[in-house]
PDB file of N, CA and C in Angstrom:
ATOM      1  N   ASN A   1     194.956  65.497  81.644  1.00  0.00           N
ATOM      2  CA  ASN A   1     193.697  64.883  81.267  1.00  0.00           C
ATOM      3  C   ASN A   1     193.580  63.476  81.875  1.00  0.00           C
ATOM      4  N   GLY A   2     194.667  62.733  81.844  1.00  0.00           N
ATOM      5  CA  GLY A   2     194.685  61.382  82.409  1.00  0.00           C
ATOM      6  C   GLY A   2     194.485  61.406  83.906  1.00  0.00           C
ATOM      7  N   ASN A   3     195.061  62.419  84.557  1.00  0.00           N
ATOM      8  CA  ASN A   3     194.895  62.539  86.013  1.00  0.00           C
ATOM      9  C   ASN A   3     193.450  62.827  86.377  1.00  0.00           C
ATOM     10  N   ILE A   4     192.781  63.618  85.577  1.00  0.00           N
ATOM     11  CA  ILE A   4     191.387  63.949  85.840  1.00  0.00           C
ATOM     12  C   ILE A   4     190.518  62.705  85.714  1.00  0.00           C
ATOM     13  N   GLN A   5     190.769  61.919  84.659  1.00  0.00           N
ATOM     14  CA  GLN A   5     189.999  60.686  84.480  1.00  0.00           C
ATOM     15  C   GLN A   5     190.267  59.709  85.617  1.00  0.00           C
ATOM     16  N   SER A   6     191.497  59.651  86.074  1.00  0.00           N
ATOM     17  CA  SER A   6     191.851  58.780  87.196  1.00  0.00           C
ATOM     18  C   SER A   6     191.151  59.241  88.476  1.00  0.00           C
ATOM     19  N   ALA A   7     191.127  60.548  88.678  1.00  0.00           N
ATOM     20  CA  ALA A   7     190.458  61.085  89.867  1.00  0.00           C
ATOM     21  C   ALA A   7     188.966  60.800  89.819  1.00  0.00           C
ATOM     22  N   ILE A   8     188.366  60.941  88.641  1.00  0.00           N
ATOM     23  CA  ILE A   8     186.937  60.655  88.487  1.00  0.00           C
ATOM     24  C   ILE A   8     186.664  59.179  88.773  1.00  0.00           C
ATOM     25  N   ALA A   9     187.509  58.309  88.281  1.00  0.00           N
ATOM     26  CA  ALA A   9     187.344  56.876  88.523  1.00  0.00           C
ATOM     27  C   ALA A   9     187.453  56.561  90.014  1.00  0.00           C
ATOM     28  N   GLN A  10     188.400  57.216  90.696  1.00  0.00           N
ATOM     29  CA  GLN A  10     188.549  56.991  92.138  1.00  0.00           C
ATOM     30  C   GLN A  10     187.312  57.483  92.887  1.00  0.00           C
ATOM     31  N   LEU A  11     186.785  58.621  92.471  1.00  0.00           N
ATOM     32  CA  LEU A  11     185.572  59.140  93.103  1.00  0.00           C
ATOM     33  C   LEU A  11     184.382  58.204  92.878  1.00  0.00           C
ATOM     34  N   GLU A  12     184.291  57.652  91.682  1.00  0.00           N
ATOM     35  CA  GLU A  12     183.207  56.709  91.388  1.00  0.00           C
ATOM     36  C   GLU A  12     183.335  55.452  92.243  1.00  0.00           C
ATOM     37  N   ASN A  13     184.565  54.968  92.396  1.00  0.00           N
ATOM     38  CA  ASN A  13     184.795  53.787  93.237  1.00  0.00           C
ATOM     39  C   ASN A  13     184.435  54.084  94.698  1.00  0.00           C
ATOM     40  N   ALA A  14     184.822  55.271  95.149  1.00  0.00           N
ATOM     41  CA  ALA A  14     184.490  55.657  96.519  1.00  0.00           C
ATOM     42  C   ALA A  14     182.976  55.750  96.693  1.00  0.00           C
ATOM     43  N   GLN A  15     182.310  56.275  95.680  1.00  0.00           N
ATOM     44  CA  GLN A  15     180.851  56.402  95.744  1.00  0.00           C
ATOM     45  C   GLN A  15     180.193  55.025  95.817  1.00  0.00           C
ATOM     46  N   VAL A  16     180.703  54.076  95.062  1.00  0.00           N
ATOM     47  CA  VAL A  16     180.177  52.703  95.094  1.00  0.00           C
ATOM     48  C   VAL A  16     180.364  52.104  96.484  1.00  0.00           C
ATOM     49  N   ASP A  17     181.536  52.322  97.080  1.00  0.00           N
ATOM     50  CA  ASP A  17     181.788  51.804  98.428  1.00  0.00           C
ATOM     51  C   ASP A  17     180.848  52.437  99.454  1.00  0.00           C
ATOM     52  N   ILE A  18     180.650  53.739  99.333  1.00  0.00           N
ATOM     53  CA  ILE A  18     179.770  54.432 100.273  1.00  0.00           C
ATOM     54  C   ILE A  18     178.335  53.955 100.112  1.00  0.00           C
ATOM     55  N   ARG A  19     177.901  53.746  98.879  1.00  0.00           N
ATOM     56  CA  ARG A  19     176.544  53.225  98.658  1.00  0.00           C
ATOM     57  C   ARG A  19     176.393  51.825  99.248  1.00  0.00           C
ATOM     58  N   SER A  20     177.441  51.034  99.158  1.00  0.00           N
ATOM     59  CA  SER A  20     177.420  49.696  99.742  1.00  0.00           C
ATOM     60  C   SER A  20     177.309  49.795 101.266  1.00  0.00           C
ATOM     61  N   ASP A  21     178.059  50.714 101.858  1.00  0.00           N
ATOM     62  CA  ASP A  21     177.971  50.926 103.303  1.00  0.00           C
ATOM     63  C   ASP A  21     176.569  51.379 103.692  1.00  0.00           C
ATOM     64  N   LEU A  22     175.987  52.259 102.895  1.00  0.00           N
ATOM     65  CA  LEU A  22     174.638  52.736 103.159  1.00  0.00           C
ATOM     66  C   LEU A  22     173.641  51.584 103.126  1.00  0.00           C
ATOM     67  N   LEU A  23     173.772  50.724 102.152  1.00  0.00           N
ATOM     68  CA  LEU A  23     172.882  49.569 102.049  1.00  0.00           C
ATOM     69  C   LEU A  23     173.026  48.661 103.259  1.00  0.00           C
ATOM     70  N   ASN A  24     174.274  48.436 103.704  1.00  0.00           N
ATOM     71  CA  ASN A  24     174.506  47.608 104.893  1.00  0.00           C
ATOM     72  C   ASN A  24     173.878  48.246 106.128  1.00  0.00           C
ATOM     73  N   CYS A  25     174.029  49.560 106.267  1.00  0.00           N
ATOM     74  CA  CYS A  25     173.450  50.267 107.412  1.00  0.00           C
ATOM     75  C   CYS A  25     171.929  50.192 107.378  1.00  0.00           C
ATOM     76  N   ARG A  26     171.348  50.347 106.216  1.00  0.00           N
ATOM     77  CA  ARG A  26     169.883  50.267 106.105  1.00  0.00           C
ATOM     78  C   ARG A  26     169.389  48.869 106.460  1.00  0.00           C
ATOM     79  N   THR A  27     170.127  47.855 106.044  1.00  0.00           N
ATOM     80  CA  THR A  27     169.753  46.478 106.365  1.00  0.00           C
ATOM     81  C   THR A  27     169.818  46.247 107.868  1.00  0.00           C
ATOM     82  N   LYS A  28     170.902  46.697 108.498  1.00  0.00           N
ATOM     83  CA  LYS A  28     171.033  46.561 109.949  1.00  0.00           C
ATOM     84  C   LYS A  28     169.911  47.307 110.653  1.00  0.00           C
ATOM     85  N   TYR A  29     169.613  48.514 110.180  1.00  0.00           N
ATOM     86  CA  TYR A  29     168.550  49.322 110.782  1.00  0.00           C
ATOM     87  C   TYR A  29     167.216  48.589 110.688  1.00  0.00           C
ATOM     88  N   ALA A  30     166.934  48.012 109.545  1.00  0.00           N
ATOM     89  CA  ALA A  30     165.681  47.284 109.363  1.00  0.00           C
ATOM     90  C   ALA A  30     165.602  46.095 110.320  1.00  0.00           C
ATOM     91  N   ASP A  31     166.721  45.390 110.502  1.00  0.00           N
ATOM     92  CA  ASP A  31     166.747  44.258 111.430  1.00  0.00           C
ATOM     93  C   ASP A  31     166.498  44.714 112.870  1.00  0.00           C
ATOM     94  N   VAL A  32     167.189  45.768 113.277  1.00  0.00           N
ATOM     95  CA  VAL A  32     167.030  46.281 114.634  1.00  0.00           C
ATOM     96  C   VAL A  32     165.607  46.795 114.845  1.00  0.00           C
ATOM     97  N   ASP A  33     165.064  47.462 113.830  1.00  0.00           N
ATOM     98  CA  ASP A  33     163.703  47.983 113.920  1.00  0.00           C
ATOM     99  C   ASP A  33     162.696  46.839 114.072  1.00  0.00           C
ATOM    100  N   ALA A  34     162.901  45.764 113.330  1.00  0.00           N
ATOM    101  CA  ALA A  34     162.006  44.612 113.437  1.00  0.00           C
ATOM    102  C   ALA A  34     162.094  43.991 114.831  1.00  0.00           C
ATOM    103  N   GLN A  35     163.308  43.873 115.358  1.00  0.00           N
ATOM    104  CA  GLN A  35     163.480  43.328 116.705  1.00  0.00           C
ATOM    105  C   GLN A  35     162.800  44.231 117.732  1.00  0.00           C
ATOM    106  N   TYR A  36     162.950  45.537 117.562  1.00  0.00           N
ATOM    107  CA  TYR A  36     162.346  46.498 118.478  1.00  0.00           C
ATOM    108  C   TYR A  36     160.822  46.348 118.484  1.00  0.00           C
ATOM    109  N   LYS A  37     160.241  46.249 117.307  1.00  0.00           N
ATOM    110  CA  LYS A  37     158.784  46.117 117.217  1.00  0.00           C
ATOM    111  C   LYS A  37     158.317  44.808 117.840  1.00  0.00           C
ATOM    112  N   LEU A  38     159.079  43.742 117.622  1.00  0.00           N
ATOM    113  CA  LEU A  38     158.729  42.448 118.207  1.00  0.00           C
ATOM    114  C   LEU A  38     158.795  42.506 119.723  1.00  0.00           C
ATOM    115  N   ILE A  39     159.862  43.091 120.250  1.00  0.00           N
ATOM    116  CA  ILE A  39     160.022  43.185 121.700  1.00  0.00           C
ATOM    117  C   ILE A  39     158.947  44.080 122.292  1.00  0.00           C
ATOM    118  N   LYS A  40     158.630  45.161 121.604  1.00  0.00           N
ATOM    119  CA  LYS A  40     157.592  46.075 122.087  1.00  0.00           C
ATOM    120  C   LYS A  40     156.244  45.360 122.152  1.00  0.00           C
ATOM    121  N   ALA A  41     155.920  44.580 121.135  1.00  0.00           N
ATOM    122  CA  ALA A  41     154.664  43.828 121.122  1.00  0.00           C
ATOM    123  C   ALA A  41     154.647  42.780 122.237  1.00  0.00           C
ATOM    124  N   GLU A  42     155.778  42.116 122.441  1.00  0.00           N
ATOM    125  CA  GLU A  42     155.871  41.103 123.490  1.00  0.00           C
ATOM    126  C   GLU A  42     155.725  41.759 124.868  1.00  0.00           C
ATOM    127  N   ARG A  43     156.326  42.931 125.034  1.00  0.00           N
ATOM    128  CA  ARG A  43     156.231  43.671 126.288  1.00  0.00           C
ATOM    129  C   ARG A  43     154.776  44.048 126.575  1.00  0.00           C
ATOM    130  N   THR A  44     154.086  44.517 125.560  1.00  0.00           N
ATOM    131  CA  THR A  44     152.681  44.889 125.722  1.00  0.00           C
ATOM    132  C   THR A  44     151.846  43.678 126.117  1.00  0.00           C
ATOM    133  N   ALA A  45     152.077  42.561 125.471  1.00  0.00           N
ATOM    134  CA  ALA A  45     151.322  41.343 125.789  1.00  0.00           C
ATOM    135  C   ALA A  45     151.590  40.887 127.221  1.00  0.00           C
ATOM    136  N   LEU A  46     152.854  40.946 127.644  1.00  0.00           N
ATOM    137  CA  LEU A  46     153.183  40.543 129.008  1.00  0.00           C
ATOM    138  C   LEU A  46     152.574  41.497 130.033  1.00  0.00           C
ATOM    139  N   LYS A  47     152.536  42.774 129.699  1.00  0.00           N
ATOM    140  CA  LYS A  47     151.930  43.753 130.608  1.00  0.00           C
ATOM    141  C   LYS A  47     150.450  43.445 130.810  1.00  0.00           C
ATOM    142  N   LYS A  48     149.748  43.103 129.725  1.00  0.00           N
ATOM    143  CA  LYS A  48     148.335  42.732 129.825  1.00  0.00           C
ATOM    144  C   LYS A  48     148.166  41.463 130.660  1.00  0.00           C
ATOM    145  N   GLN A  49     149.060  40.513 130.465  1.00  0.00           N
ATOM    146  CA  GLN A  49     148.989  39.260 131.208  1.00  0.00           C
ATOM    147  C   GLN A  49     149.211  39.522 132.697  1.00  0.00           C
ATOM    148  N   ILE A  50     150.159  40.387 133.032  1.00  0.00           N
ATOM    149  CA  ILE A  50     150.421  40.724 134.430  1.00  0.00           C
ATOM    150  C   ILE A  50     149.197  41.382 135.055  1.00  0.00           C
ATOM    151  N   ARG A  51     148.588  42.319 134.340  1.00  0.00           N
ATOM    152  CA  ARG A  51     147.387  42.985 134.853  1.00  0.00           C
ATOM    153  C   ARG A  51     146.272  41.981 135.120  1.00  0.00           C
ATOM    154  N   SER A  52     146.101  41.040 134.211  1.00  0.00           N
ATOM    155  CA  SER A  52     145.054  40.030 134.354  1.00  0.00           C
ATOM    156  C   SER A  52     145.307  39.161 135.580  1.00  0.00           C
ATOM    157  N   ILE A  53     146.541  38.753 135.767  1.00  0.00           N
ATOM    158  CA  ILE A  53     146.885  37.905 136.918  1.00  0.00           C
ATOM    159  C   ILE A  53     146.701  38.678 138.218  1.00  0.00           C
ATOM    160  N   GLU A  54     147.146  39.940 138.234  1.00  0.00           N
ATOM    161  CA  GLU A  54     146.977  40.754 139.434  1.00  0.00           C
ATOM    162  C   GLU A  54     145.496  40.952 139.760  1.00  0.00           C
ATOM    163  N   LYS A  55     144.681  41.130 138.734  1.00  0.00           N
ATOM    164  CA  LYS A  55     143.248  41.303 138.934  1.00  0.00           C
ATOM    165  C   LYS A  55     142.647  40.040 139.551  1.00  0.00           C
ATOM    166  N   ARG A  56     143.049  38.880 139.054  1.00  0.00           N
ATOM    167  CA  ARG A  56     142.536  37.620 139.607  1.00  0.00           C
ATOM    168  C   ARG A  56     142.943  37.461 141.068  1.00  0.00           C
ATOM    169  N   ILE A  57     144.187  37.837 141.391  1.00  0.00           N
ATOM    170  CA  ILE A  57     144.653  37.741 142.775  1.00  0.00           C
ATOM    171  C   ILE A  57     143.825  38.657 143.671  1.00  0.00           C
ATOM    172  N   ASN A  58     143.580  39.873 143.194  1.00  0.00           N
ATOM    173  CA  ASN A  58     142.769  40.807 143.983  1.00  0.00           C
ATOM    174  C   ASN A  58     141.346  40.295 144.178  1.00  0.00           C
ATOM    175  N   GLU A  59     140.776  39.690 143.161  1.00  0.00           N
ATOM    176  CA  GLU A  59     139.429  39.137 143.281  1.00  0.00           C
ATOM    177  C   GLU A  59     139.389  38.011 144.314  1.00  0.00           C
ATOM    178  N   ILE A  60     140.423  37.183 144.322  1.00  0.00           N
ATOM    179  CA  ILE A  60     140.487  36.089 145.307  1.00  0.00           C
ATOM    180  C   ILE A  60     140.625  36.662 146.717  1.00  0.00           C
ATOM    181  N   ASP A  61     141.460  37.705 146.866  1.00  0.00           N
ATOM    182  CA  ASP A  61     141.607  38.354 148.172  1.00  0.00           C
ATOM    183  C   ASP A  61     140.276  38.924 148.653  1.00  0.00           C
ATOM    184  N   LYS A  62     139.543  39.571 147.775  1.00  0.00           N
ATOM    185  CA  LYS A  62     138.242  40.143 148.136  1.00  0.00           C
ATOM    186  C   LYS A  62     137.255  39.042 148.528  1.00  0.00           C
ATOM    187  N   ALA A  63     137.290  37.943 147.779  1.00  0.00           N
ATOM    188  CA  ALA A  63     136.392  36.825 148.102  1.00  0.00           C
ATOM    189  C   ALA A  63     136.729  36.247 149.468  1.00  0.00           C
ATOM    190  N   LYS A  64     138.003  36.126 149.793  1.00  0.00           N
ATOM    191  CA  LYS A  64     138.409  35.626 151.115  1.00  0.00           C
ATOM    192  C   LYS A  64     137.928  36.559 152.213  1.00  0.00           C
ATOM    193  N   GLU A  65     138.058  37.869 151.982  1.00  0.00           N
ATOM    194  CA  GLU A  65     137.603  38.840 152.978  1.00  0.00           C
ATOM    195  C   GLU A  65     136.085  38.760 153.180  1.00  0.00           C
ATOM    196  N   ARG A  66     135.335  38.572 152.098  1.00  0.00           N
ATOM    197  CA  ARG A  66     133.881  38.437 152.205  1.00  0.00           C
ATOM    198  C   ARG A  66     133.503  37.192 153.020  1.00  0.00           C
ATOM    199  N   ILE A  67     134.211  36.111 152.750  1.00  0.00           N
ATOM    200  CA  ILE A  67     133.933  34.864 153.463  1.00  0.00           C
ATOM    201  C   ILE A  67     134.244  35.040 154.952  1.00  0.00           C
ATOM    202  N   ARG A  68     135.381  35.687 155.258  1.00  0.00           N
ATOM    203  CA  ARG A  68     135.748  35.912 156.653  1.00  0.00           C
ATOM    204  C   ARG A  68     134.718  36.787 157.361  1.00  0.00           C
ATOM    205  N   SER A  69     134.264  37.844 156.680  1.00  0.00           N
ATOM    206  CA  SER A  69     133.296  38.738 157.317  1.00  0.00           C
ATOM    207  C   SER A  69     131.946  38.045 157.498  1.00  0.00           C
ATOM    208  N   ASN A  70     131.570  37.132 156.631  1.00  0.00           N
ATOM    209  CA  ASN A  70     130.313  36.398 156.756  1.00  0.00           C
ATOM    210  C   ASN A  70     130.395  35.360 157.890  1.00  0.00           C
ATOM    211  N   MET A  71     131.586  34.865 158.170  1.00  0.00           N
ATOM    212  CA  MET A  71     131.769  33.873 159.239  1.00  0.00           C
ATOM    213  C   MET A  71     131.598  34.535 160.595  1.00  0.00           C
ATOM    214  N   LEU A  72     131.913  35.799 160.684  1.00  0.00           N
ATOM    215  CA  LEU A  72     131.814  36.489 161.970  1.00  0.00           C
ATOM    216  C   LEU A  72     130.399  36.953 162.133  1.00  0.00           C
TER     217      LEU A  72
END
């Protein structure tokens, strides 16, 4: 009977440790997920900025070509 109670106590202790590990893993996951979302948002913003800059460069190139063709 004493051995059974001891085994139950050990199982309960193991369960507490595993729950603690689970909580730590969930916390780490939440941190990584937040970083991922932040980086994804930053990536999207930079992609839009790159497109805008490329568009401006193309517009300037077209304007230069128009000016050159009008000079001739």
